[in-house]
């Protein structure tokens, strides 16, 4: 299988942080992806049904879902601006970070998903141009979706995050420790700060259309 290799410089490593807090925008976008396919139905089917039931009784949530699924399609690409790198606390800060995307980047990323026609084309065109009404619609959709679909499950999400991340942190630290001991045996002066290999290899694949999959 093809592999994607990522090379870290010393500066990259110095900027690397392990985040144990829930990233609200990634939760929003990832869950929106889950709603658009049937993979993992054994695990996610009850939650998908729950969201459909909620939307059946909540017009604001139905509008939010249409907006969110339009701007974050289950495809080879969705706009990176939806998952800003800034540390944010709360959904209001998250939406502010999304809406503060520079105009040129906003236009470029939305244009990549904007169809030539169809029900979402006109709104995406307005969003790409940074028009106020389209930006407000995106902001409101993110807030409504989060408060209806994500926020009630945050304690479970955070608990699962800690459970999933802890073994990876321990494995990483063990790798650092082993490399440090191995290097210190060849160096005078004892153990020195060091990192594991600065190359990361990820198994991946490319579709026949040339997209990452």
C-alpha atoms as a PDB file:
ATOM      1  CA  UNK A   1       0.000   0.000   0.000  1.00  0.00           C
ATOM      2  CA  UNK A   2       1.310   3.535  -0.763  1.00  0.00           C
ATOM      3  CA  UNK A   3       2.646   5.446   2.215  1.00  0.00           C
ATOM      4  CA  UNK A   4       2.593   9.114   3.082  1.00  0.00           C
ATOM      5  CA  UNK A   5       5.764  10.245   4.837  1.00  0.00           C
ATOM      6  CA  UNK A   6       5.757  13.390   6.947  1.00  0.00           C
ATOM      7  CA  UNK A   7       9.124  14.871   7.926  1.00  0.00           C
ATOM      8  CA  UNK A   8       9.324  17.000  11.094  1.00  0.00           C
ATOM      9  CA  UNK A   9      11.972  19.677  11.484  1.00  0.00           C
ATOM     10  CA  UNK A  10      13.235  20.739  14.911  1.00  0.00           C
ATOM     11  CA  UNK A  11      10.896  23.721  14.702  1.00  0.00           C
ATOM     12  CA  UNK A  12       7.935  21.448  13.924  1.00  0.00           C
ATOM     13  CA  UNK A  13       8.726  19.305  16.949  1.00  0.00           C
ATOM     14  CA  UNK A  14       9.089  22.374  19.165  1.00  0.00           C
ATOM     15  CA  UNK A  15       5.598  23.462  18.127  1.00  0.00           C
ATOM     16  CA  UNK A  16       4.016  20.036  18.621  1.00  0.00           C
ATOM     17  CA  UNK A  17       1.476  19.838  21.436  1.00  0.00           C
ATOM     18  CA  UNK A  18      -0.626  16.969  22.755  1.00  0.00           C
ATOM     19  CA  UNK A  19      -4.181  18.215  23.102  1.00  0.00           C
ATOM     20  CA  UNK A  20      -6.377  16.429  25.607  1.00  0.00           C
ATOM     21  CA  UNK A  21      -9.339  18.789  25.277  1.00  0.00           C
ATOM     22  CA  UNK A  22     -12.172  18.081  22.888  1.00  0.00           C
ATOM     23  CA  UNK A  23     -11.898  20.038  19.643  1.00  0.00           C
ATOM     24  CA  UNK A  24     -15.467  21.185  19.105  1.00  0.00           C
ATOM     25  CA  UNK A  25     -15.112  21.982  15.405  1.00  0.00           C
ATOM     26  CA  UNK A  26     -13.605  18.580  14.649  1.00  0.00           C
ATOM     27  CA  UNK A  27     -16.486  16.973  16.557  1.00  0.00           C
ATOM     28  CA  UNK A  28     -18.980  18.961  14.487  1.00  0.00           C
ATOM     29  CA  UNK A  29     -17.360  18.233  11.133  1.00  0.00           C
ATOM     30  CA  UNK A  30     -16.592  14.576  11.865  1.00  0.00           C
ATOM     31  CA  UNK A  31     -20.116  13.879  13.072  1.00  0.00           C
ATOM     32  CA  UNK A  32     -21.537  15.634  10.015  1.00  0.00           C
ATOM     33  CA  UNK A  33     -19.500  13.240   7.889  1.00  0.00           C
ATOM     34  CA  UNK A  34     -20.938  10.267   9.778  1.00  0.00           C
ATOM     35  CA  UNK A  35     -24.467  11.453   9.000  1.00  0.00           C
ATOM     36  CA  UNK A  36     -23.707  11.322   5.267  1.00  0.00           C
ATOM     37  CA  UNK A  37     -22.722   7.664   4.949  1.00  0.00           C
ATOM     38  CA  UNK A  38     -23.621   4.310   6.465  1.00  0.00           C
ATOM     39  CA  UNK A  39     -20.185   3.089   7.481  1.00  0.00           C
ATOM     40  CA  UNK A  40     -19.995   1.846  11.055  1.00  0.00           C
ATOM     41  CA  UNK A  41     -23.752   1.428  11.172  1.00  0.00           C
ATOM     42  CA  UNK A  42     -23.528  -1.142  13.949  1.00  0.00           C
ATOM     43  CA  UNK A  43     -22.077   1.519  16.238  1.00  0.00           C
ATOM     44  CA  UNK A  44     -23.519   4.759  14.849  1.00  0.00           C
ATOM     45  CA  UNK A  45     -27.024   3.715  13.725  1.00  0.00           C
ATOM     46  CA  UNK A  46     -28.708   4.587  17.065  1.00  0.00           C
ATOM     47  CA  UNK A  47     -27.091   8.019  17.074  1.00  0.00           C
ATOM     48  CA  UNK A  48     -28.056   8.656  13.435  1.00  0.00           C
ATOM     49  CA  UNK A  49     -31.663   7.737  14.235  1.00  0.00           C
ATOM     50  CA  UNK A  50     -31.568  10.041  17.250  1.00  0.00           C
ATOM     51  CA  UNK A  51     -30.406  12.974  15.126  1.00  0.00           C
ATOM     52  CA  UNK A  52     -33.123  12.294  12.536  1.00  0.00           C
ATOM     53  CA  UNK A  53     -35.741  12.213  15.302  1.00  0.00           C
ATOM     54  CA  UNK A  54     -34.477  15.487  16.738  1.00  0.00           C
ATOM     55  CA  UNK A  55     -34.533  17.134  13.319  1.00  0.00           C
ATOM     56  CA  UNK A  56     -38.062  15.875  12.712  1.00  0.00           C
ATOM     57  CA  UNK A  57     -39.292  18.047  15.591  1.00  0.00           C
ATOM     58  CA  UNK A  58     -36.921  21.011  15.264  1.00  0.00           C
ATOM     59  CA  UNK A  59     -37.038  23.262  12.197  1.00  0.00           C
ATOM     60  CA  UNK A  60     -33.920  25.159  13.264  1.00  0.00           C
ATOM     61  CA  UNK A  61     -31.949  21.911  13.452  1.00  0.00           C
ATOM     62  CA  UNK A  62     -33.207  20.850  10.016  1.00  0.00           C
ATOM     63  CA  UNK A  63     -31.946  24.147   8.581  1.00  0.00           C
ATOM     64  CA  UNK A  64     -28.640  23.747  10.413  1.00  0.00           C
ATOM     65  CA  UNK A  65     -28.206  20.223   9.050  1.00  0.00           C
ATOM     66  CA  UNK A  66     -28.842  21.323   5.461  1.00  0.00           C
ATOM     67  CA  UNK A  67     -26.310  24.123   5.839  1.00  0.00           C
ATOM     68  CA  UNK A  68     -23.669  21.999   7.526  1.00  0.00           C
ATOM     69  CA  UNK A  69     -23.948  19.065   5.126  1.00  0.00           C
ATOM     70  CA  UNK A  70     -23.640  21.508   2.245  1.00  0.00           C
ATOM     71  CA  UNK A  71     -20.450  23.128   3.508  1.00  0.00           C
ATOM     72  CA  UNK A  72     -18.898  19.925   4.909  1.00  0.00           C
ATOM     73  CA  UNK A  73     -19.715  17.245   2.319  1.00  0.00           C
ATOM     74  CA  UNK A  74     -18.617  13.653   2.746  1.00  0.00           C
ATOM     75  CA  UNK A  75     -16.058  13.795  -0.052  1.00  0.00           C
ATOM     76  CA  UNK A  76     -12.322  13.761  -0.687  1.00  0.00           C
ATOM     77  CA  UNK A  77     -12.189  17.362   0.559  1.00  0.00           C
ATOM     78  CA  UNK A  78     -14.047  19.679   2.870  1.00  0.00           C
ATOM     79  CA  UNK A  79     -12.932  23.253   3.665  1.00  0.00           C
ATOM     80  CA  UNK A  80     -10.034  23.330   6.114  1.00  0.00           C
ATOM     81  CA  UNK A  81     -11.340  26.626   7.461  1.00  0.00           C
ATOM     82  CA  UNK A  82     -13.998  24.638   9.347  1.00  0.00           C
ATOM     83  CA  UNK A  83     -11.315  23.227  11.665  1.00  0.00           C
ATOM     84  CA  UNK A  84      -9.189  26.255  12.639  1.00  0.00           C
ATOM     85  CA  UNK A  85      -5.925  25.512  14.475  1.00  0.00           C
ATOM     86  CA  UNK A  86      -6.422  28.167  17.149  1.00  0.00           C
ATOM     87  CA  UNK A  87      -7.090  27.049  20.719  1.00  0.00           C
ATOM     88  CA  UNK A  88     -10.698  27.971  21.315  1.00  0.00           C
ATOM     89  CA  UNK A  89     -12.985  27.579  24.296  1.00  0.00           C
ATOM     90  CA  UNK A  90     -16.684  27.214  23.622  1.00  0.00           C
ATOM     91  CA  UNK A  91     -18.744  27.184  20.474  1.00  0.00           C
ATOM     92  CA  UNK A  92     -18.909  30.982  20.199  1.00  0.00           C
ATOM     93  CA  UNK A  93     -15.110  31.269  20.007  1.00  0.00           C
ATOM     94  CA  UNK A  94     -15.060  28.406  17.504  1.00  0.00           C
ATOM     95  CA  UNK A  95     -17.547  30.074  15.190  1.00  0.00           C
ATOM     96  CA  UNK A  96     -15.717  33.394  15.514  1.00  0.00           C
ATOM     97  CA  UNK A  97     -12.495  31.664  14.430  1.00  0.00           C
ATOM     98  CA  UNK A  98     -14.233  30.126  11.406  1.00  0.00           C
ATOM     99  CA  UNK A  99     -15.858  33.386  10.358  1.00  0.00           C
ATOM    100  CA  UNK A 100     -12.573  35.300  10.713  1.00  0.00           C
ATOM    101  CA  UNK A 101     -11.074  33.315   7.811  1.00  0.00           C
ATOM    102  CA  UNK A 102      -9.306  35.716   5.416  1.00  0.00           C
ATOM    103  CA  UNK A 103     -11.461  36.499   2.333  1.00  0.00           C
ATOM    104  CA  UNK A 104      -9.028  35.009  -0.180  1.00  0.00           C
ATOM    105  CA  UNK A 105      -8.775  31.706   1.698  1.00  0.00           C
ATOM    106  CA  UNK A 106     -12.547  31.627   2.208  1.00  0.00           C
ATOM    107  CA  UNK A 107     -13.131  32.030  -1.514  1.00  0.00           C
ATOM    108  CA  UNK A 108     -10.507  29.461  -2.527  1.00  0.00           C
ATOM    109  CA  UNK A 109     -11.680  26.738  -0.149  1.00  0.00           C
ATOM    110  CA  UNK A 110     -15.412  27.177  -0.739  1.00  0.00           C
ATOM    111  CA  UNK A 111     -14.888  27.272  -4.502  1.00  0.00           C
ATOM    112  CA  UNK A 112     -13.347  23.788  -4.272  1.00  0.00           C
ATOM    113  CA  UNK A 113     -16.659  22.315  -3.105  1.00  0.00           C
ATOM    114  CA  UNK A 114     -19.110  24.644  -4.879  1.00  0.00           C
ATOM    115  CA  UNK A 115     -21.100  22.822  -7.579  1.00  0.00           C
ATOM    116  CA  UNK A 116     -22.066  24.528 -10.805  1.00  0.00           C
ATOM    117  CA  UNK A 117     -25.748  24.274  -9.900  1.00  0.00           C
ATOM    118  CA  UNK A 118     -28.070  22.635  -7.407  1.00  0.00           C
ATOM    119  CA  UNK A 119     -29.768  23.670  -4.186  1.00  0.00           C
ATOM    120  CA  UNK A 120     -26.580  24.624  -2.350  1.00  0.00           C
ATOM    121  CA  UNK A 121     -24.703  26.314  -5.180  1.00  0.00           C
ATOM    122  CA  UNK A 122     -26.160  29.791  -4.697  1.00  0.00           C
ATOM    123  CA  UNK A 123     -25.557  29.849  -0.941  1.00  0.00           C
ATOM    124  CA  UNK A 124     -22.007  28.522  -1.324  1.00  0.00           C
ATOM    125  CA  UNK A 125     -21.355  31.237  -3.892  1.00  0.00           C
ATOM    126  CA  UNK A 126     -22.531  33.866  -1.398  1.00  0.00           C
ATOM    127  CA  UNK A 127     -20.394  32.252   1.305  1.00  0.00           C
ATOM    128  CA  UNK A 128     -17.330  32.226  -0.942  1.00  0.00           C
ATOM    129  CA  UNK A 129     -17.842  35.950  -1.534  1.00  0.00           C
ATOM    130  CA  UNK A 130     -18.061  36.560   2.208  1.00  0.00           C
ATOM    131  CA  UNK A 131     -21.574  37.963   2.125  1.00  0.00           C
ATOM    132  CA  UNK A 132     -22.963  38.748   5.559  1.00  0.00           C
ATOM    133  CA  UNK A 133     -26.180  36.734   5.286  1.00  0.00           C
ATOM    134  CA  UNK A 134     -24.305  33.593   4.224  1.00  0.00           C
ATOM    135  CA  UNK A 135     -21.769  33.995   7.033  1.00  0.00           C
ATOM    136  CA  UNK A 136     -24.561  34.443   9.578  1.00  0.00           C
ATOM    137  CA  UNK A 137     -26.277  31.320   8.262  1.00  0.00           C
ATOM    138  CA  UNK A 138     -23.074  29.311   8.724  1.00  0.00           C
ATOM    139  CA  UNK A 139     -22.541  30.712  12.221  1.00  0.00           C
ATOM    140  CA  UNK A 140     -26.113  29.946  13.280  1.00  0.00           C
ATOM    141  CA  UNK A 141     -25.939  26.444  11.792  1.00  0.00           C
ATOM    142  CA  UNK A 142     -22.752  25.601  13.681  1.00  0.00           C
ATOM    143  CA  UNK A 143     -24.210  26.848  16.965  1.00  0.00           C
ATOM    144  CA  UNK A 144     -27.574  25.137  16.594  1.00  0.00           C
ATOM    145  CA  UNK A 145     -26.015  21.841  15.500  1.00  0.00           C
ATOM    146  CA  UNK A 146     -23.515  21.877  18.348  1.00  0.00           C
ATOM    147  CA  UNK A 147     -26.049  22.662  21.049  1.00  0.00           C
ATOM    148  CA  UNK A 148     -28.571  20.129  19.761  1.00  0.00           C
ATOM    149  CA  UNK A 149     -26.362  17.248  18.635  1.00  0.00           C
ATOM    150  CA  UNK A 150     -22.913  17.519  20.242  1.00  0.00           C
ATOM    151  CA  UNK A 151     -23.223  19.316  23.575  1.00  0.00           C
ATOM    152  CA  UNK A 152     -25.526  16.748  25.255  1.00  0.00           C
ATOM    153  CA  UNK A 153     -22.900  14.059  24.572  1.00  0.00           C
ATOM    154  CA  UNK A 154     -19.786  16.050  25.549  1.00  0.00           C
ATOM    155  CA  UNK A 155     -19.145  14.205  28.856  1.00  0.00           C
ATOM    156  CA  UNK A 156     -19.113  10.871  26.995  1.00  0.00           C
ATOM    157  CA  UNK A 157     -16.947  12.283  24.201  1.00  0.00           C
ATOM    158  CA  UNK A 158     -14.408  13.700  26.656  1.00  0.00           C
ATOM    159  CA  UNK A 159     -14.262  10.497  28.667  1.00  0.00           C
ATOM    160  CA  UNK A 160     -13.685   8.457  25.528  1.00  0.00           C
ATOM    161  CA  UNK A 161     -11.027  10.890  24.344  1.00  0.00           C
ATOM    162  CA  UNK A 162      -8.999  10.441  27.526  1.00  0.00           C
ATOM    163  CA  UNK A 163      -9.404   6.664  27.330  1.00  0.00           C
ATOM    164  CA  UNK A 164      -8.273   6.536  23.690  1.00  0.00           C
ATOM    165  CA  UNK A 165      -5.409   8.992  23.951  1.00  0.00           C
ATOM    166  CA  UNK A 166      -3.745   7.731  27.147  1.00  0.00           C
ATOM    167  CA  UNK A 167      -2.226   4.538  25.611  1.00  0.00           C
ATOM    168  CA  UNK A 168      -0.893   6.506  22.626  1.00  0.00           C
ATOM    169  CA  UNK A 169       0.778   9.045  24.912  1.00  0.00           C
ATOM    170  CA  UNK A 170       2.349   6.255  26.957  1.00  0.00           C
ATOM    171  CA  UNK A 171       3.520   4.481  23.799  1.00  0.00           C
ATOM    172  CA  UNK A 172       5.044   7.686  22.479  1.00  0.00           C
ATOM    173  CA  UNK A 173       6.817   8.466  25.751  1.00  0.00           C
ATOM    174  CA  UNK A 174       8.144   4.907  25.940  1.00  0.00           C
ATOM    175  CA  UNK A 175       9.536   5.326  22.433  1.00  0.00           C
ATOM    176  CA  UNK A 176      11.254   8.561  23.433  1.00  0.00           C
ATOM    177  CA  UNK A 177      12.678   6.953  26.566  1.00  0.00           C
ATOM    178  CA  UNK A 178      14.075   3.962  24.689  1.00  0.00           C
ATOM    179  CA  UNK A 179      15.758   6.135  22.075  1.00  0.00           C
ATOM    180  CA  UNK A 180      17.211   8.374  24.767  1.00  0.00           C
ATOM    181  CA  UNK A 181      18.708   5.434  26.635  1.00  0.00           C
ATOM    182  CA  UNK A 182      20.101   4.000  23.394  1.00  0.00           C
ATOM    183  CA  UNK A 183      21.700   7.319  22.468  1.00  0.00           C
ATOM    184  CA  UNK A 184      23.031   8.034  25.949  1.00  0.00           C
ATOM    185  CA  UNK A 185      24.943   4.747  25.882  1.00  0.00           C
ATOM    186  CA  UNK A 186      26.953   6.146  22.952  1.00  0.00           C
ATOM    187  CA  UNK A 187      27.408   9.649  24.358  1.00  0.00           C
ATOM    188  CA  UNK A 188      29.413  10.969  27.303  1.00  0.00           C
ATOM    189  CA  UNK A 189      27.541  12.914  29.924  1.00  0.00           C
ATOM    190  CA  UNK A 190      24.502  10.671  30.430  1.00  0.00           C
ATOM    191  CA  UNK A 191      20.970  11.100  29.067  1.00  0.00           C
ATOM    192  CA  UNK A 192      20.190  14.149  26.967  1.00  0.00           C
ATOM    193  CA  UNK A 193      16.804  15.414  25.749  1.00  0.00           C
ATOM    194  CA  UNK A 194      15.923  13.763  22.490  1.00  0.00           C
ATOM    195  CA  UNK A 195      13.010  12.782  20.260  1.00  0.00           C
ATOM    196  CA  UNK A 196      12.109   9.653  18.351  1.00  0.00           C
ATOM    197  CA  UNK A 197      12.532   9.559  14.589  1.00  0.00           C
ATOM    198  CA  UNK A 198      11.476  12.809  12.926  1.00  0.00           C
ATOM    199  CA  UNK A 199       9.811  10.910  10.078  1.00  0.00           C
ATOM    200  CA  UNK A 200       6.251   9.650  10.389  1.00  0.00           C
ATOM    201  CA  UNK A 201       4.905   7.125   7.895  1.00  0.00           C
ATOM    202  CA  UNK A 202       1.148   6.734   7.349  1.00  0.00           C
ATOM    203  CA  UNK A 203      -0.419   3.981   5.250  1.00  0.00           C
ATOM    204  CA  UNK A 204      -2.773   5.581   2.760  1.00  0.00           C
ATOM    205  CA  UNK A 205      -4.256   5.112  -0.654  1.00  0.00           C
ATOM    206  CA  UNK A 206      -5.184   7.155  -3.694  1.00  0.00           C
ATOM    207  CA  UNK A 207      -8.373   6.659  -5.650  1.00  0.00           C
ATOM    208  CA  UNK A 208      -8.461   6.300  -9.411  1.00  0.00           C
ATOM    209  CA  UNK A 209      -9.517   9.956  -9.545  1.00  0.00           C
ATOM    210  CA  UNK A 210      -6.295  10.949  -7.831  1.00  0.00           C
ATOM    211  CA  UNK A 211      -7.913  11.892  -4.516  1.00  0.00           C
ATOM    212  CA  UNK A 212      -6.716  10.794  -1.113  1.00  0.00           C
ATOM    213  CA  UNK A 213      -8.953   8.127   0.373  1.00  0.00           C
END
